[in-house]
Amino acid sequence: MKIVNRYIGVRDGYLGDFTYRTHAEFYPEYCGLDIDPATYPGTTRERFIEILGNQSPRDQAKILRGVIDRFDHDADNKTRLELRPELESWIARLESAPAVELGRPEHTRDVVIRALADADELIRTNGATSAVDRIHTALHGHVLSLCEEAGIEANHETTTNRALKLLRQNHPGLAADGPRAGDITRILGAMATVLDSLNPIRNNASVAHPNEELLDDPEANLAINAARTVFAFLDAKLGGVT
């Protein structure tokens, strides 16, 4: 990880000049975040990497800004001077990341967890366009996992739209029986239609294949937010988010 090994630096396996105490003070003082590194195992380096990887894009941006502020006194460090524009570009991408944020699903397939982590990392380092394929994979895998858990027949060839429809029709947790149930059902139906468009977008305008034309970041953010909205709704209704 470039920010750890080259910008902050590593000494004897530890994170720069951080002690356990100053590492704990770093998050509230420089980032405005209530994070306790003592709840994570390992050295300061290992804790920092895990903490950064577990945050939402906007909190990742706060941590990166905190790193710049924390080491700003070392203005003559050539490596940091060279890397600072790259860190600032990461921050800009993170701060313009999709607005719909997700918790980590507790009951799902390993591929979903990996795809969500990949999507967050790609948004941070390369922009939203690079993450469309990963968020598509994550949502597809999660909906199939929910079907499997509920005993609803579906397999890897079942499309996301079809699997979502099976869930809506057969999962008791998605029964339309609350206020304005008809309107909510129509919204879900419309969202399913939106999700149906993710397949051709993934196949023809994402980095999943060597496509000549790719989505611009605003359109990629739109697609990612649509998928994340459905993801967040399913988790809110069916539970299983840590």
C-alpha atoms as a PDB file:
ATOM      1  CA  MET A   1       0.000   0.000   0.000  1.00  0.00           C
ATOM      2  CA  LYS A   2       1.692   3.160  -1.265  1.00  0.00           C
ATOM      3  CA  ILE A   3       0.373   5.513   1.413  1.00  0.00           C
ATOM      4  CA  VAL A   4       1.739   3.232   4.147  1.00  0.00           C
ATOM      5  CA  ASN A   5       5.065   2.152   2.699  1.00  0.00           C
ATOM      6  CA  ARG A   6       6.108   5.357   0.951  1.00  0.00           C
ATOM      7  CA  TYR A   7       4.150   8.344   2.307  1.00  0.00           C
ATOM      8  CA  ILE A   8       3.918   7.529   6.015  1.00  0.00           C
ATOM      9  CA  GLY A   9       6.775   5.035   6.044  1.00  0.00           C
ATOM     10  CA  VAL A  10       7.328   1.778   7.895  1.00  0.00           C
ATOM     11  CA  ARG A  11       9.916   1.144  10.606  1.00  0.00           C
ATOM     12  CA  ASP A  12      10.464  -2.378  11.925  1.00  0.00           C
ATOM     13  CA  GLY A  13       6.971  -3.320  10.768  1.00  0.00           C
ATOM     14  CA  TYR A  14       5.345  -0.340  12.484  1.00  0.00           C
ATOM     15  CA  LEU A  15       3.656   2.727  11.005  1.00  0.00           C
ATOM     16  CA  GLY A  16       6.113   5.611  10.691  1.00  0.00           C
ATOM     17  CA  ASP A  17       6.692   7.401  13.992  1.00  0.00           C
ATOM     18  CA  PHE A  18       3.275   6.434  15.373  1.00  0.00           C
ATOM     19  CA  THR A  19       3.145   4.879  18.813  1.00  0.00           C
ATOM     20  CA  TYR A  20       0.014   3.025  19.892  1.00  0.00           C
ATOM     21  CA  ARG A  21      -1.014   6.156  21.820  1.00  0.00           C
ATOM     22  CA  THR A  22      -0.401   8.682  19.033  1.00  0.00           C
ATOM     23  CA  HIS A  23      -2.066   6.373  16.513  1.00  0.00           C
ATOM     24  CA  ALA A  24      -5.184   6.322  18.713  1.00  0.00           C
ATOM     25  CA  GLU A  25      -5.080  10.126  18.994  1.00  0.00           C
ATOM     26  CA  PHE A  26      -4.677  10.552  15.224  1.00  0.00           C
ATOM     27  CA  TYR A  27      -8.273   9.714  14.228  1.00  0.00           C
ATOM     28  CA  PRO A  28     -10.174  12.191  16.453  1.00  0.00           C
ATOM     29  CA  GLU A  29      -7.494  14.893  16.250  1.00  0.00           C
ATOM     30  CA  TYR A  30      -6.667  14.882  12.542  1.00  0.00           C
ATOM     31  CA  CYS A  31      -9.638  13.118  10.934  1.00  0.00           C
ATOM     32  CA  GLY A  32     -12.613  14.023  13.132  1.00  0.00           C
ATOM     33  CA  LEU A  33     -13.476  10.328  13.430  1.00  0.00           C
ATOM     34  CA  ASP A  34     -14.350   8.284  16.503  1.00  0.00           C
ATOM     35  CA  ILE A  35     -12.170   5.240  15.815  1.00  0.00           C
ATOM     36  CA  ASP A  36     -10.421   3.173  18.467  1.00  0.00           C
ATOM     37  CA  PRO A  37      -7.417   1.300  17.006  1.00  0.00           C
ATOM     38  CA  ALA A  38      -7.235  -0.811  20.176  1.00  0.00           C
ATOM     39  CA  THR A  39     -10.235  -2.779  18.903  1.00  0.00           C
ATOM     40  CA  TYR A  40      -8.135  -3.987  15.958  1.00  0.00           C
ATOM     41  CA  PRO A  41      -5.377  -6.618  16.227  1.00  0.00           C
ATOM     42  CA  GLY A  42      -1.770  -6.246  15.168  1.00  0.00           C
ATOM     43  CA  THR A  43       0.844  -3.529  14.862  1.00  0.00           C
ATOM     44  CA  THR A  44       0.067   0.126  14.184  1.00  0.00           C
ATOM     45  CA  ARG A  45       0.723  -0.571  10.501  1.00  0.00           C
ATOM     46  CA  GLU A  46      -1.667  -3.533  10.396  1.00  0.00           C
ATOM     47  CA  ARG A  47      -4.317  -1.615  12.317  1.00  0.00           C
ATOM     48  CA  PHE A  48      -4.087   1.422  10.039  1.00  0.00           C
ATOM     49  CA  ILE A  49      -4.467  -0.689   6.895  1.00  0.00           C
ATOM     50  CA  GLU A  50      -7.513  -2.516   8.267  1.00  0.00           C
ATOM     51  CA  ILE A  51      -9.121   0.664   9.586  1.00  0.00           C
ATOM     52  CA  LEU A  52      -8.668   2.495   6.284  1.00  0.00           C
ATOM     53  CA  GLY A  53     -10.040  -0.436   4.306  1.00  0.00           C
ATOM     54  CA  ASN A  54     -13.149  -0.731   6.489  1.00  0.00           C
ATOM     55  CA  GLN A  55     -14.299   2.894   6.203  1.00  0.00           C
ATOM     56  CA  SER A  56     -16.807   4.469   3.840  1.00  0.00           C
ATOM     57  CA  PRO A  57     -15.320   6.446   0.932  1.00  0.00           C
ATOM     58  CA  ARG A  58     -15.905   9.777   2.669  1.00  0.00           C
ATOM     59  CA  ASP A  59     -14.290   8.613   5.901  1.00  0.00           C
ATOM     60  CA  GLN A  60     -11.380   7.218   3.891  1.00  0.00           C
ATOM     61  CA  ALA A  61     -10.978  10.715   2.445  1.00  0.00           C
ATOM     62  CA  LYS A  62     -10.935  12.159   5.972  1.00  0.00           C
ATOM     63  CA  ILE A  63      -8.179   9.735   6.974  1.00  0.00           C
ATOM     64  CA  LEU A  64      -6.096  10.591   3.908  1.00  0.00           C
ATOM     65  CA  ARG A  65      -6.511  14.306   4.646  1.00  0.00           C
ATOM     66  CA  GLY A  66      -5.489  13.550   8.212  1.00  0.00           C
ATOM     67  CA  VAL A  67      -2.335  11.816   6.985  1.00  0.00           C
ATOM     68  CA  ILE A  68      -1.411  14.849   4.882  1.00  0.00           C
ATOM     69  CA  ASP A  69      -2.016  17.188   7.839  1.00  0.00           C
ATOM     70  CA  ARG A  70      -0.182  14.907  10.279  1.00  0.00           C
ATOM     71  CA  PHE A  71       2.982  14.842   8.171  1.00  0.00           C
ATOM     72  CA  ASP A  72       2.745  18.353   6.731  1.00  0.00           C
ATOM     73  CA  HIS A  73       5.598  19.507   8.988  1.00  0.00           C
ATOM     74  CA  ASP A  74       8.012  17.393   6.940  1.00  0.00           C
ATOM     75  CA  ALA A  75       7.651  19.625   3.896  1.00  0.00           C
ATOM     76  CA  ASP A  76      11.124  18.858   2.538  1.00  0.00           C
ATOM     77  CA  ASN A  77      10.561  15.100   2.282  1.00  0.00           C
ATOM     78  CA  LYS A  78      11.027  14.426  -1.444  1.00  0.00           C
ATOM     79  CA  THR A  79       8.944  11.240  -1.505  1.00  0.00           C
ATOM     80  CA  ARG A  80       5.999  12.921   0.213  1.00  0.00           C
ATOM     81  CA  LEU A  81       6.205  15.916  -2.112  1.00  0.00           C
ATOM     82  CA  GLU A  82       6.043  13.574  -5.105  1.00  0.00           C
ATOM     83  CA  LEU A  83       3.168  11.513  -3.702  1.00  0.00           C
ATOM     84  CA  ARG A  84       1.017  14.326  -2.329  1.00  0.00           C
ATOM     85  CA  PRO A  85      -0.723  15.152  -5.663  1.00  0.00           C
ATOM     86  CA  GLU A  86      -1.632  11.473  -6.013  1.00  0.00           C
ATOM     87  CA  LEU A  87      -3.081  11.386  -2.480  1.00  0.00           C
ATOM     88  CA  GLU A  88      -5.064  14.532  -3.217  1.00  0.00           C
ATOM     89  CA  SER A  89      -6.468  12.935  -6.376  1.00  0.00           C
ATOM     90  CA  TRP A  90      -7.547   9.906  -4.319  1.00  0.00           C
ATOM     91  CA  ILE A  91      -9.263  12.246  -1.865  1.00  0.00           C
ATOM     92  CA  ALA A  92     -11.111  14.010  -4.690  1.00  0.00           C
ATOM     93  CA  ARG A  93     -12.358  10.677  -6.044  1.00  0.00           C
ATOM     94  CA  LEU A  94     -13.453   9.497  -2.607  1.00  0.00           C
ATOM     95  CA  GLU A  95     -15.308  12.710  -1.862  1.00  0.00           C
ATOM     96  CA  SER A  96     -17.195  12.423  -5.159  1.00  0.00           C
ATOM     97  CA  ALA A  97     -17.959   8.737  -4.605  1.00  0.00           C
ATOM     98  CA  PRO A  98     -21.522   7.391  -4.731  1.00  0.00           C
ATOM     99  CA  ALA A  99     -23.687   8.878  -1.996  1.00  0.00           C
ATOM    100  CA  VAL A 100     -25.434   5.638  -1.033  1.00  0.00           C
ATOM    101  CA  GLU A 101     -23.191   3.886   1.481  1.00  0.00           C
ATOM    102  CA  LEU A 102     -23.480   0.305   2.656  1.00  0.00           C
ATOM    103  CA  GLY A 103     -22.692  -1.645   5.763  1.00  0.00           C
ATOM    104  CA  ARG A 104     -20.983  -4.986   5.428  1.00  0.00           C
ATOM    105  CA  PRO A 105     -23.515  -7.799   4.914  1.00  0.00           C
ATOM    106  CA  GLU A 106     -23.128 -10.423   7.622  1.00  0.00           C
ATOM    107  CA  HIS A 107     -24.970 -13.271   5.906  1.00  0.00           C
ATOM    108  CA  THR A 108     -23.885 -13.485   2.292  1.00  0.00           C
ATOM    109  CA  ARG A 109     -21.343 -15.135   0.031  1.00  0.00           C
ATOM    110  CA  ASP A 110     -17.618 -14.500   0.264  1.00  0.00           C
ATOM    111  CA  VAL A 111     -17.606 -13.267  -3.324  1.00  0.00           C
ATOM    112  CA  VAL A 112     -20.012 -10.484  -2.326  1.00  0.00           C
ATOM    113  CA  ILE A 113     -17.727  -9.248   0.456  1.00  0.00           C
ATOM    114  CA  ARG A 114     -14.737  -9.324  -1.885  1.00  0.00           C
ATOM    115  CA  ALA A 115     -16.624  -7.555  -4.673  1.00  0.00           C
ATOM    116  CA  LEU A 116     -17.801  -4.773  -2.341  1.00  0.00           C
ATOM    117  CA  ALA A 117     -14.267  -4.283  -1.028  1.00  0.00           C
ATOM    118  CA  ASP A 118     -12.940  -4.242  -4.601  1.00  0.00           C
ATOM    119  CA  ALA A 119     -15.564  -1.666  -5.605  1.00  0.00           C
ATOM    120  CA  ASP A 120     -14.628   0.671  -2.747  1.00  0.00           C
ATOM    121  CA  GLU A 121     -10.927   0.341  -3.566  1.00  0.00           C
ATOM    122  CA  LEU A 122     -11.491   0.950  -7.278  1.00  0.00           C
ATOM    123  CA  ILE A 123     -13.617   4.027  -6.595  1.00  0.00           C
ATOM    124  CA  ARG A 124     -10.832   5.338  -4.376  1.00  0.00           C
ATOM    125  CA  THR A 125      -7.971   4.693  -6.770  1.00  0.00           C
ATOM    126  CA  ASN A 126      -9.458   4.734 -10.295  1.00  0.00           C
ATOM    127  CA  GLY A 127     -12.906   6.323 -10.120  1.00  0.00           C
ATOM    128  CA  ALA A 128     -16.476   5.044 -10.309  1.00  0.00           C
ATOM    129  CA  THR A 129     -16.219   3.748 -13.885  1.00  0.00           C
ATOM    130  CA  SER A 130     -13.856   0.995 -12.787  1.00  0.00           C
ATOM    131  CA  ALA A 131     -16.230  -0.151 -10.022  1.00  0.00           C
ATOM    132  CA  VAL A 132     -19.406  -0.782 -12.042  1.00  0.00           C
ATOM    133  CA  ASP A 133     -18.537  -4.421 -12.716  1.00  0.00           C
ATOM    134  CA  ARG A 134     -17.740  -5.128  -9.046  1.00  0.00           C
ATOM    135  CA  ILE A 135     -20.942  -3.580  -7.682  1.00  0.00           C
ATOM    136  CA  HIS A 136     -22.934  -5.524 -10.285  1.00  0.00           C
ATOM    137  CA  THR A 137     -21.253  -8.748  -9.136  1.00  0.00           C
ATOM    138  CA  ALA A 138     -21.858  -7.898  -5.473  1.00  0.00           C
ATOM    139  CA  LEU A 139     -25.571  -7.220  -5.908  1.00  0.00           C
ATOM    140  CA  HIS A 140     -26.118 -10.292  -8.090  1.00  0.00           C
ATOM    141  CA  GLY A 141     -24.324 -12.534  -5.612  1.00  0.00           C
ATOM    142  CA  HIS A 142     -26.143 -11.049  -2.620  1.00  0.00           C
ATOM    143  CA  VAL A 143     -29.611 -11.430  -4.133  1.00  0.00           C
ATOM    144  CA  LEU A 144     -28.806 -15.047  -5.045  1.00  0.00           C
ATOM    145  CA  SER A 145     -27.560 -15.614  -1.487  1.00  0.00           C
ATOM    146  CA  LEU A 146     -30.815 -14.240  -0.051  1.00  0.00           C
ATOM    147  CA  CYS A 147     -32.787 -16.542  -2.352  1.00  0.00           C
ATOM    148  CA  GLU A 148     -30.715 -19.532  -1.261  1.00  0.00           C
ATOM    149  CA  GLU A 149     -31.128 -18.681   2.433  1.00  0.00           C
ATOM    150  CA  ALA A 150     -34.906 -18.427   2.005  1.00  0.00           C
ATOM    151  CA  GLY A 151     -35.134 -21.697   0.057  1.00  0.00           C
ATOM    152  CA  ILE A 152     -36.078 -19.911  -3.167  1.00  0.00           C
ATOM    153  CA  GLU A 153     -34.793 -21.734  -6.240  1.00  0.00           C
ATOM    154  CA  ALA A 154     -32.220 -19.689  -8.157  1.00  0.00           C
ATOM    155  CA  ASN A 155     -28.748 -20.316  -9.579  1.00  0.00           C
ATOM    156  CA  HIS A 156     -25.841 -18.384 -11.095  1.00  0.00           C
ATOM    157  CA  GLU A 157     -27.683 -18.173 -14.415  1.00  0.00           C
ATOM    158  CA  THR A 158     -30.629 -16.392 -12.780  1.00  0.00           C
ATOM    159  CA  THR A 159     -30.329 -12.685 -13.568  1.00  0.00           C
ATOM    160  CA  THR A 160     -30.320 -10.079 -10.814  1.00  0.00           C
ATOM    161  CA  ASN A 161     -33.696  -8.781 -11.971  1.00  0.00           C
ATOM    162  CA  ARG A 162     -35.253 -12.256 -12.007  1.00  0.00           C
ATOM    163  CA  ALA A 163     -33.792 -13.178  -8.603  1.00  0.00           C
ATOM    164  CA  LEU A 164     -35.061  -9.916  -7.105  1.00  0.00           C
ATOM    165  CA  LYS A 165     -38.525 -10.609  -8.493  1.00  0.00           C
ATOM    166  CA  LEU A 166     -38.470 -14.098  -6.947  1.00  0.00           C
ATOM    167  CA  LEU A 167     -37.509 -12.557  -3.604  1.00  0.00           C
ATOM    168  CA  ARG A 168     -40.301  -9.994  -3.762  1.00  0.00           C
ATOM    169  CA  GLN A 169     -42.845 -12.677  -4.617  1.00  0.00           C
ATOM    170  CA  ASN A 170     -41.754 -15.337  -2.128  1.00  0.00           C
ATOM    171  CA  HIS A 171     -39.836 -13.854   0.815  1.00  0.00           C
ATOM    172  CA  PRO A 172     -42.139 -13.036   3.773  1.00  0.00           C
ATOM    173  CA  GLY A 173     -39.831 -10.216   4.812  1.00  0.00           C
ATOM    174  CA  LEU A 174     -40.616  -8.384   1.570  1.00  0.00           C
ATOM    175  CA  ALA A 175     -44.386  -8.783   1.730  1.00  0.00           C
ATOM    176  CA  ALA A 176     -46.088  -5.544   0.651  1.00  0.00           C
ATOM    177  CA  ASP A 177     -48.309  -4.971   3.677  1.00  0.00           C
ATOM    178  CA  GLY A 178     -47.235  -1.589   5.089  1.00  0.00           C
ATOM    179  CA  PRO A 179     -48.460   1.957   4.412  1.00  0.00           C
ATOM    180  CA  ARG A 180     -48.683   2.795   0.708  1.00  0.00           C
ATOM    181  CA  ALA A 181     -47.815  -0.801  -0.115  1.00  0.00           C
ATOM    182  CA  GLY A 182     -48.942  -0.413  -3.711  1.00  0.00           C
ATOM    183  CA  ASP A 183     -46.716   2.605  -4.258  1.00  0.00           C
ATOM    184  CA  ILE A 184     -43.724   0.849  -2.698  1.00  0.00           C
ATOM    185  CA  THR A 185     -44.329  -2.175  -4.923  1.00  0.00           C
ATOM    186  CA  ARG A 186     -44.314   0.096  -7.978  1.00  0.00           C
ATOM    187  CA  ILE A 187     -41.069   1.723  -6.831  1.00  0.00           C
ATOM    188  CA  LEU A 188     -39.461  -1.699  -6.429  1.00  0.00           C
ATOM    189  CA  GLY A 189     -40.717  -2.702  -9.850  1.00  0.00           C
ATOM    190  CA  ALA A 190     -39.212   0.441 -11.344  1.00  0.00           C
ATOM    191  CA  MET A 191     -35.915  -0.219  -9.564  1.00  0.00           C
ATOM    192  CA  ALA A 192     -35.908  -3.744 -10.968  1.00  0.00           C
ATOM    193  CA  THR A 193     -36.241  -2.247 -14.448  1.00  0.00           C
ATOM    194  CA  VAL A 194     -33.295   0.026 -13.678  1.00  0.00           C
ATOM    195  CA  LEU A 195     -31.244  -2.965 -12.529  1.00  0.00           C
ATOM    196  CA  ASP A 196     -32.063  -4.730 -15.779  1.00  0.00           C
ATOM    197  CA  SER A 197     -30.079  -1.994 -17.520  1.00  0.00           C
ATOM    198  CA  LEU A 198     -27.005  -2.777 -15.432  1.00  0.00           C
ATOM    199  CA  ASN A 199     -26.348  -5.959 -17.410  1.00  0.00           C
ATOM    200  CA  PRO A 200     -25.798  -4.281 -20.810  1.00  0.00           C
ATOM    201  CA  ILE A 201     -23.929  -1.419 -19.096  1.00  0.00           C
ATOM    202  CA  ARG A 202     -21.600  -3.907 -17.411  1.00  0.00           C
ATOM    203  CA  ASN A 203     -21.077  -5.869 -20.615  1.00  0.00           C
ATOM    204  CA  ASN A 204     -20.717  -2.967 -23.034  1.00  0.00           C
ATOM    205  CA  ALA A 205     -19.543   0.118 -21.119  1.00  0.00           C
ATOM    206  CA  SER A 206     -17.495  -1.066 -18.139  1.00  0.00           C
ATOM    207  CA  VAL A 207     -14.016  -2.502 -17.659  1.00  0.00           C
ATOM    208  CA  ALA A 208     -15.482  -6.004 -17.279  1.00  0.00           C
ATOM    209  CA  HIS A 209     -14.654  -6.407 -20.985  1.00  0.00           C
ATOM    210  CA  PRO A 210     -12.236  -4.585 -23.327  1.00  0.00           C
ATOM    211  CA  ASN A 211     -14.881  -2.063 -24.394  1.00  0.00           C
ATOM    212  CA  GLU A 212     -13.844   0.890 -26.530  1.00  0.00           C
ATOM    213  CA  GLU A 213     -16.380   3.209 -24.870  1.00  0.00           C
ATOM    214  CA  LEU A 214     -16.742   3.446 -21.093  1.00  0.00           C
ATOM    215  CA  LEU A 215     -19.193   5.249 -18.852  1.00  0.00           C
ATOM    216  CA  ASP A 216     -18.153   8.659 -17.601  1.00  0.00           C
ATOM    217  CA  ASP A 217     -17.924   9.003 -13.820  1.00  0.00           C
ATOM    218  CA  PRO A 218     -21.340  10.730 -13.346  1.00  0.00           C
ATOM    219  CA  GLU A 219     -23.148   7.959 -15.219  1.00  0.00           C
ATOM    220  CA  ALA A 220     -21.096   5.294 -13.438  1.00  0.00           C
ATOM    221  CA  ASN A 221     -22.037   6.862 -10.097  1.00  0.00           C
ATOM    222  CA  LEU A 222     -25.697   6.764 -11.143  1.00  0.00           C
ATOM    223  CA  ALA A 223     -25.477   3.044 -11.919  1.00  0.00           C
ATOM    224  CA  ILE A 224     -23.588   2.293  -8.695  1.00  0.00           C
ATOM    225  CA  ASN A 225     -26.017   4.318  -6.584  1.00  0.00           C
ATOM    226  CA  ALA A 226     -28.982   2.492  -8.129  1.00  0.00           C
ATOM    227  CA  ALA A 227     -27.469  -0.876  -7.221  1.00  0.00           C
ATOM    228  CA  ARG A 228     -26.500   0.307  -3.738  1.00  0.00           C
ATOM    229  CA  THR A 229     -30.013   1.648  -3.109  1.00  0.00           C
ATOM    230  CA  VAL A 230     -31.495  -1.800  -3.728  1.00  0.00           C
ATOM    231  CA  PHE A 231     -28.698  -3.397  -1.689  1.00  0.00           C
ATOM    232  CA  ALA A 232     -29.386  -1.062   1.251  1.00  0.00           C
ATOM    233  CA  PHE A 233     -33.156  -1.643   1.052  1.00  0.00           C
ATOM    234  CA  LEU A 234     -32.761  -5.428   1.114  1.00  0.00           C
ATOM    235  CA  ASP A 235     -30.431  -5.233   4.105  1.00  0.00           C
ATOM    236  CA  ALA A 236     -32.774  -2.861   5.947  1.00  0.00           C
ATOM    237  CA  LYS A 237     -35.742  -5.182   5.363  1.00  0.00           C
ATOM    238  CA  LEU A 238     -34.063  -8.546   5.752  1.00  0.00           C
ATOM    239  CA  GLY A 239     -31.311  -7.677   8.227  1.00  0.00           C
ATOM    240  CA  GLY A 240     -27.788  -8.998   8.355  1.00  0.00           C
ATOM    241  CA  VAL A 241     -25.698  -5.838   8.292  1.00  0.00           C
ATOM    242  CA  THR A 242     -22.974  -5.368  10.888  1.00  0.00           C
END
